[in-house]
């Protein structure tokens, strides 16, 4: 993504050449990067959370918080995203929606599909987090000492 952005800037400001396709590809890559990596980020505690109580909590309380948050917030939100995005994405697929620009990327329907992939991947990680929390609460697993990275 950075290389393509660099090439677009060099082409535009050094050679006076513009490429709508390359500019749109940066938006596609940026969107896919964040949407498809959200589940991975959740796996490694990289999402922003209100750490006022969680940071000093016992492993059992953390497991309860993760279980409650997954079951009552994360999974319902993922289900709502899938439910609401499905007509949006399917209508885009039905017409094989492309860029509004003539020389743009004619795969907007693929980019919109990433919304559903995002929700599915985050939901799968949410189920994993809930199962992990249940195992900790039942004593089948000992909690790891992994703490979320500090946000600078």
Protein backbone atom coordinates (compact mmCIF):
# COMPACT_ATOMS: atom_id res chain seq x y z
CA UNK A 1 0.00 0.00 0.00
CA UNK A 2 2.81 2.39 0.90
CA UNK A 3 4.70 1.53 -2.29
CA UNK A 4 1.62 2.14 -4.45
CA UNK A 5 0.99 5.47 -2.67
CA UNK A 6 4.62 6.44 -3.25
CA UNK A 7 4.34 5.58 -6.95
CA UNK A 8 1.10 7.60 -7.28
CA UNK A 9 2.77 10.64 -5.70
CA UNK A 10 5.88 10.35 -7.90
CA UNK A 11 3.77 9.90 -11.03
CA UNK A 12 1.57 12.85 -10.21
CA UNK A 13 4.10 15.40 -9.00
CA UNK A 14 7.21 14.42 -10.95
CA UNK A 15 5.78 13.16 -14.24
CA UNK A 16 2.33 14.77 -14.25
CA UNK A 17 0.61 11.39 -14.73
CA UNK A 18 -2.51 10.42 -12.81
CA UNK A 19 -3.91 6.93 -12.32
CA UNK A 20 -7.41 6.61 -10.90
CA UNK A 21 -7.03 2.83 -10.79
CA UNK A 22 -3.93 3.08 -8.60
CA UNK A 23 -5.54 5.69 -6.34
CA UNK A 24 -8.61 3.52 -5.85
CA UNK A 25 -6.42 0.49 -5.18
CA UNK A 26 -4.98 2.33 -2.17
CA UNK A 27 -8.48 2.77 -0.75
CA UNK A 28 -9.21 -0.93 -1.38
CA UNK A 29 -5.98 -2.03 0.30
CA UNK A 30 -6.50 0.30 3.25
CA UNK A 31 -10.06 -0.88 3.79
CA UNK A 32 -9.14 -4.54 3.49
CA UNK A 33 -6.19 -4.16 5.83
CA UNK A 34 -8.25 -2.83 8.70
CA UNK A 35 -11.39 -4.85 8.11
CA UNK A 36 -9.73 -8.23 7.62
CA UNK A 37 -7.19 -7.77 10.42
CA UNK A 38 -9.79 -6.90 13.07
CA UNK A 39 -10.17 -10.50 14.26
CA UNK A 40 -6.41 -10.91 14.49
CA UNK A 41 -6.22 -7.69 16.48
CA UNK A 42 -8.89 -8.98 18.86
CA UNK A 43 -6.86 -12.18 19.33
CA UNK A 44 -3.88 -10.14 20.52
CA UNK A 45 -5.87 -7.70 22.72
CA UNK A 46 -5.10 -4.83 20.37
CA UNK A 47 -8.54 -3.25 20.35
CA UNK A 48 -9.22 -0.20 22.44
CA UNK A 49 -11.00 -1.00 25.68
CA UNK A 50 -11.83 0.95 28.79
CA UNK A 51 -9.07 -0.33 31.05
CA UNK A 52 -10.11 1.46 34.24
CA UNK A 53 -11.37 -1.74 35.86
CA UNK A 54 -10.04 -4.43 33.55
CA UNK A 55 -6.32 -3.71 34.01
CA UNK A 56 -6.29 -4.39 37.77
CA UNK A 57 -8.90 -7.16 37.67
CA UNK A 58 -8.20 -10.74 38.68
CA UNK A 59 -7.92 -13.33 35.89
CA UNK A 60 -11.37 -14.64 36.83
CA UNK A 61 -12.93 -11.18 36.59
CA UNK A 62 -11.18 -10.61 33.24
CA UNK A 63 -12.58 -13.92 31.97
CA UNK A 64 -16.08 -12.93 33.13
CA UNK A 65 -15.74 -9.54 31.45
CA UNK A 66 -14.53 -11.10 28.21
CA UNK A 67 -17.30 -13.71 28.27
CA UNK A 68 -20.02 -11.14 28.98
CA UNK A 69 -18.64 -8.71 26.41
CA UNK A 70 -18.38 -11.37 23.73
CA UNK A 71 -21.82 -12.86 24.26
CA UNK A 72 -23.81 -9.70 24.86
CA UNK A 73 -21.97 -7.05 22.84
CA UNK A 74 -19.53 -8.44 20.27
CA UNK A 75 -21.51 -11.33 18.80
CA UNK A 76 -24.84 -9.45 18.58
CA UNK A 77 -23.04 -6.53 16.90
CA UNK A 78 -21.42 -8.87 14.38
CA UNK A 79 -24.82 -10.46 13.70
CA UNK A 80 -26.35 -7.01 13.20
CA UNK A 81 -23.57 -6.02 10.80
CA UNK A 82 -24.10 -9.18 8.74
CA UNK A 83 -27.88 -8.75 8.80
CA UNK A 84 -27.77 -5.11 7.74
CA UNK A 85 -24.90 -5.45 5.26
CA UNK A 86 -26.28 -8.47 3.44
CA UNK A 87 -28.81 -6.56 1.25
CA UNK A 88 -26.21 -3.85 0.59
CA UNK A 89 -23.59 -6.36 -0.51
CA UNK A 90 -25.98 -8.62 -2.43
CA UNK A 91 -27.40 -5.71 -4.44
CA UNK A 92 -23.84 -4.73 -5.31
CA UNK A 93 -23.10 -8.30 -6.43
CA UNK A 94 -26.32 -8.48 -8.47
CA UNK A 95 -25.11 -5.67 -10.71
CA UNK A 96 -21.38 -6.41 -10.33
CA UNK A 97 -20.95 -2.85 -9.17
CA UNK A 98 -17.88 -1.07 -10.39
CA UNK A 99 -16.20 2.25 -9.93
CA UNK A 100 -18.01 5.44 -10.87
CA UNK A 101 -14.82 6.47 -12.66
CA UNK A 102 -14.28 5.14 -16.17
CA UNK A 103 -10.75 3.97 -15.51
CA UNK A 104 -11.39 2.94 -11.90
CA UNK A 105 -11.48 -0.53 -10.40
CA UNK A 106 -14.59 -2.39 -11.49
CA UNK A 107 -14.83 -4.49 -8.34
CA UNK A 108 -16.66 -2.38 -5.78
CA UNK A 109 -18.82 -5.43 -5.04
CA UNK A 110 -15.65 -7.23 -3.86
CA UNK A 111 -14.75 -4.38 -1.55
CA UNK A 112 -18.25 -4.32 -0.10
CA UNK A 113 -18.01 -8.08 0.53
CA UNK A 114 -15.21 -7.35 2.97
CA UNK A 115 -17.84 -5.94 5.35
CA UNK A 116 -19.38 -9.39 5.75
CA UNK A 117 -15.96 -11.07 5.91
CA UNK A 118 -15.01 -8.61 8.69
CA UNK A 119 -18.09 -9.46 10.74
CA UNK A 120 -17.62 -13.22 10.26
CA UNK A 121 -13.92 -13.13 11.22
CA UNK A 122 -14.54 -10.97 14.30
CA UNK A 123 -17.48 -13.18 15.32
CA UNK A 124 -15.33 -16.30 15.02
CA UNK A 125 -12.68 -14.69 17.18
CA UNK A 126 -15.42 -13.62 19.61
CA UNK A 127 -16.59 -17.24 19.90
CA UNK A 128 -12.98 -18.27 20.51
CA UNK A 129 -12.63 -15.60 23.20
CA UNK A 130 -15.88 -16.72 24.87
CA UNK A 131 -14.76 -20.38 24.86
CA UNK A 132 -11.36 -19.39 26.21
CA UNK A 133 -13.08 -17.42 29.01
CA UNK A 134 -15.33 -20.38 29.83
CA UNK A 135 -12.30 -22.66 30.07
CA UNK A 136 -10.63 -20.23 32.48
CA UNK A 137 -13.78 -19.93 34.60
CA UNK A 138 -14.19 -23.72 34.76
CA UNK A 139 -10.54 -24.22 35.75
CA UNK A 140 -9.64 -26.17 32.60
CA UNK A 141 -7.15 -23.51 31.54
CA UNK A 142 -4.84 -21.20 33.39
CA UNK A 143 -4.93 -17.57 32.27
CA UNK A 144 -1.90 -16.27 30.44
CA UNK A 145 0.05 -13.34 31.79
CA UNK A 146 -0.18 -11.59 28.43
CA UNK A 147 -1.18 -8.00 28.97
CA UNK A 148 -2.53 -5.77 26.23
CA UNK A 149 0.12 -3.58 24.65
CA UNK A 150 0.25 0.03 25.81
CA UNK A 151 -1.17 2.50 23.35
CA UNK A 152 1.16 5.42 22.84
